[in-house]
N, C-alpha and C. Protein backbone atom coordinates (compact mmCIF):
# COMPACT_ATOMS: atom_id res chain seq x y z
N MET A 1 -34.67 -41.34 26.10
CA MET A 1 -34.61 -40.92 27.49
C MET A 1 -35.59 -41.43 28.53
N LYS A 2 -34.20 -42.15 29.54
CA LYS A 2 -34.96 -42.61 31.25
C LYS A 2 -35.57 -41.72 32.03
N THR A 3 -36.19 -41.90 32.49
CA THR A 3 -37.29 -40.55 32.89
C THR A 3 -36.97 -40.96 34.46
N LYS A 4 -36.62 -42.36 35.12
CA LYS A 4 -36.67 -42.68 36.05
C LYS A 4 -35.54 -42.32 36.96
N ASN A 5 -34.67 -41.94 36.88
CA ASN A 5 -33.29 -41.43 37.14
C ASN A 5 -32.80 -40.09 35.87
N LEU A 6 -33.55 -39.38 35.75
CA LEU A 6 -33.44 -38.31 35.11
C LEU A 6 -33.00 -37.32 35.91
N ILE A 7 -31.88 -36.37 36.39
CA ILE A 7 -31.02 -35.74 36.72
C ILE A 7 -30.97 -34.81 35.82
N ILE A 8 -30.86 -33.22 36.33
CA ILE A 8 -31.16 -32.05 34.96
C ILE A 8 -29.85 -31.12 35.80
N ASP A 9 -29.11 -30.47 35.62
CA ASP A 9 -28.07 -29.82 35.99
C ASP A 9 -28.10 -28.08 35.17
N GLN A 10 -27.76 -26.96 35.99
CA GLN A 10 -27.36 -25.54 35.50
C GLN A 10 -27.00 -25.02 36.24
N GLY A 11 -25.31 -23.94 35.73
CA GLY A 11 -24.87 -23.80 37.09
C GLY A 11 -24.81 -24.67 37.93
N ASP A 12 -25.28 -24.16 39.09
CA ASP A 12 -24.55 -24.38 40.50
C ASP A 12 -26.32 -25.48 41.11
N ILE A 13 -26.81 -25.27 40.85
CA ILE A 13 -28.01 -26.83 40.80
C ILE A 13 -28.48 -27.97 40.25
N LEU A 14 -28.70 -28.56 40.99
CA LEU A 14 -29.26 -30.28 40.15
C LEU A 14 -30.65 -30.15 40.81
N LEU A 15 -31.66 -30.68 40.16
CA LEU A 15 -32.38 -31.46 40.12
C LEU A 15 -32.56 -32.40 39.54
N ARG A 16 -32.96 -33.78 40.63
CA ARG A 16 -32.96 -35.15 40.24
C ARG A 16 -34.32 -36.05 40.92
N ARG A 17 -34.90 -36.98 39.51
CA ARG A 17 -35.79 -36.69 39.91
C ARG A 17 -36.37 -37.84 41.30
N VAL A 18 -37.64 -37.61 41.87
CA VAL A 18 -37.97 -38.75 42.83
C VAL A 18 -39.08 -39.49 42.35
N SER A 19 -39.62 -40.53 43.43
CA SER A 19 -40.78 -40.77 42.74
C SER A 19 -42.21 -40.52 43.71
N LYS A 20 -41.99 -39.64 44.39
CA LYS A 20 -42.98 -38.98 45.21
C LYS A 20 -42.40 -37.57 45.73
N LEU A 21 -43.58 -37.06 45.94
CA LEU A 21 -43.20 -35.41 47.36
C LEU A 21 -43.27 -36.51 48.04
N PRO A 22 -42.71 -35.85 48.88
CA PRO A 22 -42.57 -36.59 50.63
C PRO A 22 -43.63 -35.78 51.05
N ALA A 23 -44.22 -37.05 52.57
CA ALA A 23 -45.37 -36.67 53.28
C ALA A 23 -44.72 -35.69 53.99
N GLY A 24 -45.29 -34.90 55.20
CA GLY A 24 -44.89 -34.07 55.75
C GLY A 24 -45.37 -32.26 55.34
N PHE A 25 -45.23 -31.58 56.46
CA PHE A 25 -45.98 -29.88 56.47
C PHE A 25 -44.95 -30.01 54.56
N ARG A 26 -45.83 -28.58 53.58
CA ARG A 26 -45.67 -28.30 52.74
C ARG A 26 -45.79 -27.14 52.43
N LYS A 27 -44.86 -26.02 52.32
CA LYS A 27 -45.07 -25.07 52.14
C LYS A 27 -44.87 -24.76 50.75
N LYS A 28 -45.97 -23.85 49.71
CA LYS A 28 -46.29 -23.47 48.19
C LYS A 28 -45.03 -22.53 48.45
N ARG A 29 -44.14 -22.13 47.55
CA ARG A 29 -42.83 -20.84 47.60
C ARG A 29 -43.39 -20.80 45.51
N GLU A 30 -44.07 -19.23 45.86
CA GLU A 30 -44.27 -18.46 45.00
C GLU A 30 -43.38 -17.80 44.35
N GLY A 31 -43.70 -17.66 42.61
CA GLY A 31 -42.38 -16.71 42.00
C GLY A 31 -41.78 -18.14 41.04
N GLY A 32 -41.63 -19.42 41.40
CA GLY A 32 -41.16 -20.30 41.23
C GLY A 32 -39.69 -20.52 41.10
N VAL A 33 -39.16 -19.59 42.18
CA VAL A 33 -37.73 -19.14 42.22
C VAL A 33 -37.16 -20.34 43.06
N LEU A 34 -35.72 -21.09 42.47
CA LEU A 34 -35.96 -22.10 43.56
C LEU A 34 -34.01 -21.21 44.10
N ARG A 35 -33.68 -20.95 43.78
CA ARG A 35 -32.32 -20.13 44.33
C ARG A 35 -31.92 -19.28 43.90
N GLU A 36 -31.18 -17.97 44.35
CA GLU A 36 -30.65 -16.25 43.71
C GLU A 36 -29.26 -16.62 43.94
N GLY A 37 -28.71 -16.58 42.85
CA GLY A 37 -27.36 -16.82 42.61
C GLY A 37 -26.78 -15.99 43.99
N GLU A 38 -25.37 -16.45 43.97
CA GLU A 38 -24.41 -15.68 45.02
C GLU A 38 -23.85 -14.59 44.92
N VAL A 39 -22.97 -15.01 43.46
CA VAL A 39 -21.70 -14.54 42.78
C VAL A 39 -22.75 -13.06 42.20
N THR A 40 -23.94 -13.54 41.47
CA THR A 40 -24.45 -13.03 40.14
C THR A 40 -25.65 -11.94 40.19
N GLY A 41 -26.57 -12.70 41.56
CA GLY A 41 -27.76 -12.09 42.15
C GLY A 41 -28.81 -12.95 41.05
N HIS A 42 -28.13 -13.58 39.95
CA HIS A 42 -29.16 -14.29 38.84
C HIS A 42 -30.06 -15.50 39.61
N ALA A 43 -31.33 -15.18 39.20
CA ALA A 43 -32.10 -16.37 39.96
C ALA A 43 -32.07 -17.59 38.60
N HIS A 44 -32.32 -18.70 39.87
CA HIS A 44 -32.28 -20.11 39.10
C HIS A 44 -34.18 -20.21 39.20
N LYS A 45 -35.02 -20.01 38.01
CA LYS A 45 -36.12 -20.62 38.40
C LYS A 45 -36.65 -21.36 37.49
N VAL A 46 -38.37 -22.10 38.06
CA VAL A 46 -39.09 -23.25 36.98
C VAL A 46 -39.82 -22.19 36.65
N GLU A 47 -40.93 -22.44 35.18
CA GLU A 47 -42.02 -21.92 34.62
C GLU A 47 -42.68 -23.53 34.78
N ASN A 48 -44.09 -23.39 35.47
CA ASN A 48 -44.97 -24.28 34.44
C ASN A 48 -44.59 -24.88 35.67
N ALA A 49 -44.82 -24.84 36.64
CA ALA A 49 -44.18 -25.94 38.03
C ALA A 49 -44.82 -25.55 38.92
N THR A 50 -44.58 -26.26 40.23
CA THR A 50 -45.27 -25.50 41.60
C THR A 50 -44.05 -26.48 42.52
N VAL A 51 -42.71 -25.12 43.20
CA VAL A 51 -41.93 -25.43 43.62
C VAL A 51 -42.53 -25.57 45.59
N TRP A 52 -42.67 -26.58 45.80
CA TRP A 52 -42.76 -26.86 47.74
C TRP A 52 -41.56 -26.43 48.30
N ASP A 53 -41.31 -26.17 49.62
CA ASP A 53 -40.65 -26.30 50.94
C ASP A 53 -41.10 -27.38 51.96
N VAL A 54 -40.50 -28.51 52.04
CA VAL A 54 -40.69 -29.18 52.44
C VAL A 54 -40.40 -29.52 53.90
N LEU A 55 -40.88 -29.01 55.15
CA LEU A 55 -40.45 -29.22 55.98
C LEU A 55 -39.06 -30.10 56.70
N ASN A 56 -37.50 -30.12 56.52
CA ASN A 56 -36.43 -31.00 57.37
C ASN A 56 -36.57 -31.48 55.97
N GLN A 57 -37.56 -31.66 55.13
CA GLN A 57 -36.61 -32.83 53.72
C GLN A 57 -35.71 -31.71 52.28
N GLY A 58 -35.81 -30.35 52.41
CA GLY A 58 -35.56 -29.28 51.21
C GLY A 58 -36.66 -28.70 50.56
N ILE A 59 -36.35 -28.52 49.36
CA ILE A 59 -37.08 -28.15 48.43
C ILE A 59 -37.91 -29.02 46.73
N PHE A 60 -38.78 -29.04 46.57
CA PHE A 60 -39.11 -30.02 45.69
C PHE A 60 -40.18 -29.33 44.54
N VAL A 61 -39.92 -29.41 43.30
CA VAL A 61 -40.67 -29.16 42.12
C VAL A 61 -40.95 -30.29 41.41
N GLU A 62 -42.54 -29.54 41.27
CA GLU A 62 -43.61 -30.42 40.86
C GLU A 62 -44.52 -30.55 39.70
N VAL A 63 -44.13 -30.88 38.41
CA VAL A 63 -43.62 -31.04 37.00
C VAL A 63 -45.17 -31.18 36.45
N ASP A 64 -46.14 -30.72 35.97
CA ASP A 64 -47.35 -30.96 35.47
C ASP A 64 -47.22 -30.72 33.87
N ASN A 65 -46.71 -30.38 33.43
CA ASN A 65 -47.01 -29.92 31.31
C ASN A 65 -45.53 -28.97 31.58
N LYS A 66 -45.13 -29.83 30.56
CA LYS A 66 -43.74 -29.01 29.62
C LYS A 66 -42.92 -28.06 30.84
N GLY A 67 -42.42 -28.47 32.02
CA GLY A 67 -41.87 -27.21 32.38
C GLY A 67 -40.34 -26.68 31.96
N ARG A 68 -40.05 -25.69 32.58
CA ARG A 68 -38.85 -24.83 32.07
C ARG A 68 -38.22 -24.32 33.01
N LEU A 69 -36.49 -24.85 33.37
CA LEU A 69 -35.73 -24.48 34.39
C LEU A 69 -34.91 -23.18 33.23
N VAL A 70 -35.16 -21.89 34.44
CA VAL A 70 -34.98 -20.54 33.73
C VAL A 70 -33.71 -20.06 34.41
N HIS A 71 -32.49 -19.18 33.38
CA HIS A 71 -31.70 -18.53 34.45
C HIS A 71 -30.78 -17.34 33.72
N GLU A 72 -30.89 -16.42 33.79
CA GLU A 72 -30.07 -15.36 32.40
C GLU A 72 -28.86 -15.87 31.94
N GLU A 73 -28.07 -16.50 32.69
CA GLU A 73 -26.71 -16.46 32.12
C GLU A 73 -26.62 -17.91 31.48
N HIS A 74 -27.31 -18.96 32.03
CA HIS A 74 -27.17 -19.93 31.49
C HIS A 74 -27.69 -20.99 30.77
N GLY A 75 -29.04 -19.75 29.76
CA GLY A 75 -30.31 -20.39 29.00
C GLY A 75 -30.92 -20.93 29.58
N THR A 76 -31.99 -21.65 29.30
CA THR A 76 -33.13 -22.27 29.34
C THR A 76 -33.01 -23.87 28.93
N PHE A 77 -33.86 -24.61 29.79
CA PHE A 77 -33.70 -26.03 30.23
C PHE A 77 -35.61 -26.23 29.61
N GLU A 78 -35.37 -26.90 28.63
CA GLU A 78 -37.25 -26.59 28.25
C GLU A 78 -37.66 -27.73 27.92
N ASN A 79 -38.87 -28.08 28.21
CA ASN A 79 -40.12 -29.53 28.78
C ASN A 79 -39.01 -30.56 29.36
N ILE A 80 -39.00 -29.63 30.78
CA ILE A 80 -38.81 -30.98 31.75
C ILE A 80 -39.78 -31.71 31.71
N PRO A 81 -39.39 -33.28 32.24
CA PRO A 81 -40.72 -34.40 31.78
C PRO A 81 -41.99 -34.03 33.30
N VAL A 82 -42.88 -34.49 33.03
CA VAL A 82 -43.38 -34.48 33.87
C VAL A 82 -42.82 -35.02 34.99
N GLY A 83 -42.80 -34.51 36.71
CA GLY A 83 -42.90 -35.52 37.33
C GLY A 83 -41.74 -34.88 38.51
N ILE A 84 -41.66 -35.68 40.06
CA ILE A 84 -41.52 -34.50 40.62
C ILE A 84 -39.99 -35.00 40.84
N TYR A 85 -39.76 -33.53 41.34
CA TYR A 85 -38.03 -33.16 41.29
C TYR A 85 -37.51 -32.42 42.40
N GLN A 86 -36.33 -33.59 43.41
CA GLN A 86 -35.37 -32.52 44.63
C GLN A 86 -34.18 -31.59 44.02
N LEU A 87 -34.67 -30.61 44.70
CA LEU A 87 -33.41 -29.65 44.44
C LEU A 87 -32.11 -30.13 45.32
N ASP A 88 -31.01 -30.30 44.29
CA ASP A 88 -29.68 -30.22 44.81
C ASP A 88 -28.54 -29.81 44.69
N ASP A 89 -27.67 -29.61 45.87
CA ASP A 89 -26.65 -28.45 44.74
C ASP A 89 -25.81 -29.64 44.17
N GLN A 90 -25.06 -28.60 43.04
CA GLN A 90 -23.69 -29.35 42.33
C GLN A 90 -22.83 -29.27 43.13
N ARG A 91 -22.33 -30.32 42.94
CA ARG A 91 -20.87 -30.18 43.37
C ARG A 91 -19.33 -30.37 43.01
N GLU A 92 -18.26 -29.44 43.50
CA GLU A 92 -17.36 -29.66 42.04
C GLU A 92 -16.03 -30.29 43.31
N TYR A 93 -14.69 -30.99 42.20
CA TYR A 93 -13.70 -31.87 43.42
C TYR A 93 -12.44 -30.48 43.04
N THR A 94 -11.94 -30.29 43.91
CA THR A 94 -10.73 -28.94 43.54
C THR A 94 -9.88 -29.42 44.91
N ALA A 95 -8.51 -29.75 44.54
CA ALA A 95 -7.25 -29.80 45.07
C ALA A 95 -7.81 -30.18 46.43
N GLY A 96 -7.99 -32.09 46.00
CA GLY A 96 -8.40 -32.89 47.58
C GLY A 96 -9.82 -32.54 48.08
N ASP A 97 -10.55 -31.34 47.50
CA ASP A 97 -11.61 -30.91 48.44
C ASP A 97 -13.26 -31.18 47.67
N VAL A 98 -14.69 -31.63 47.47
CA VAL A 98 -15.05 -31.11 47.26
C VAL A 98 -16.31 -30.09 47.81
N ARG A 99 -16.68 -29.26 47.34
CA ARG A 99 -17.35 -28.03 47.48
C ARG A 99 -18.49 -28.01 46.70
N ARG A 100 -19.18 -26.95 47.43
CA ARG A 100 -20.70 -26.52 46.83
C ARG A 100 -20.33 -25.74 45.38
N VAL A 101 -20.47 -25.50 44.68
CA VAL A 101 -20.69 -24.70 43.13
C VAL A 101 -21.29 -23.62 43.46
N LEU A 102 -20.50 -22.52 42.83
CA LEU A 102 -21.49 -21.59 43.67
C LEU A 102 -21.61 -20.44 42.21
N ASP A 103 -22.47 -20.14 42.18
CA ASP A 103 -23.04 -19.72 41.03
C ASP A 103 -23.56 -17.66 40.60
């Protein structure tokens, strides 16, 4: 597997590997929660990783060793490779429109 352009998707979220954590004010997000589900209330969260809110640049995940992406309905994505990932939304194309996937 190529890890340079690695993308991990689970339900309505997408983690895209980036080369480094961006500069700027960072706030550590406790509990590993990336996003609460809008429909079910189930959370996407990471284990064995640090989640950062970077001012004006979004949410980033720093995986040091065998990170896991967990969700009650989608199962677990095991062994996320070491690296930095940016959180993004899954998008879907429906009837001539592109919209964010809701989970």
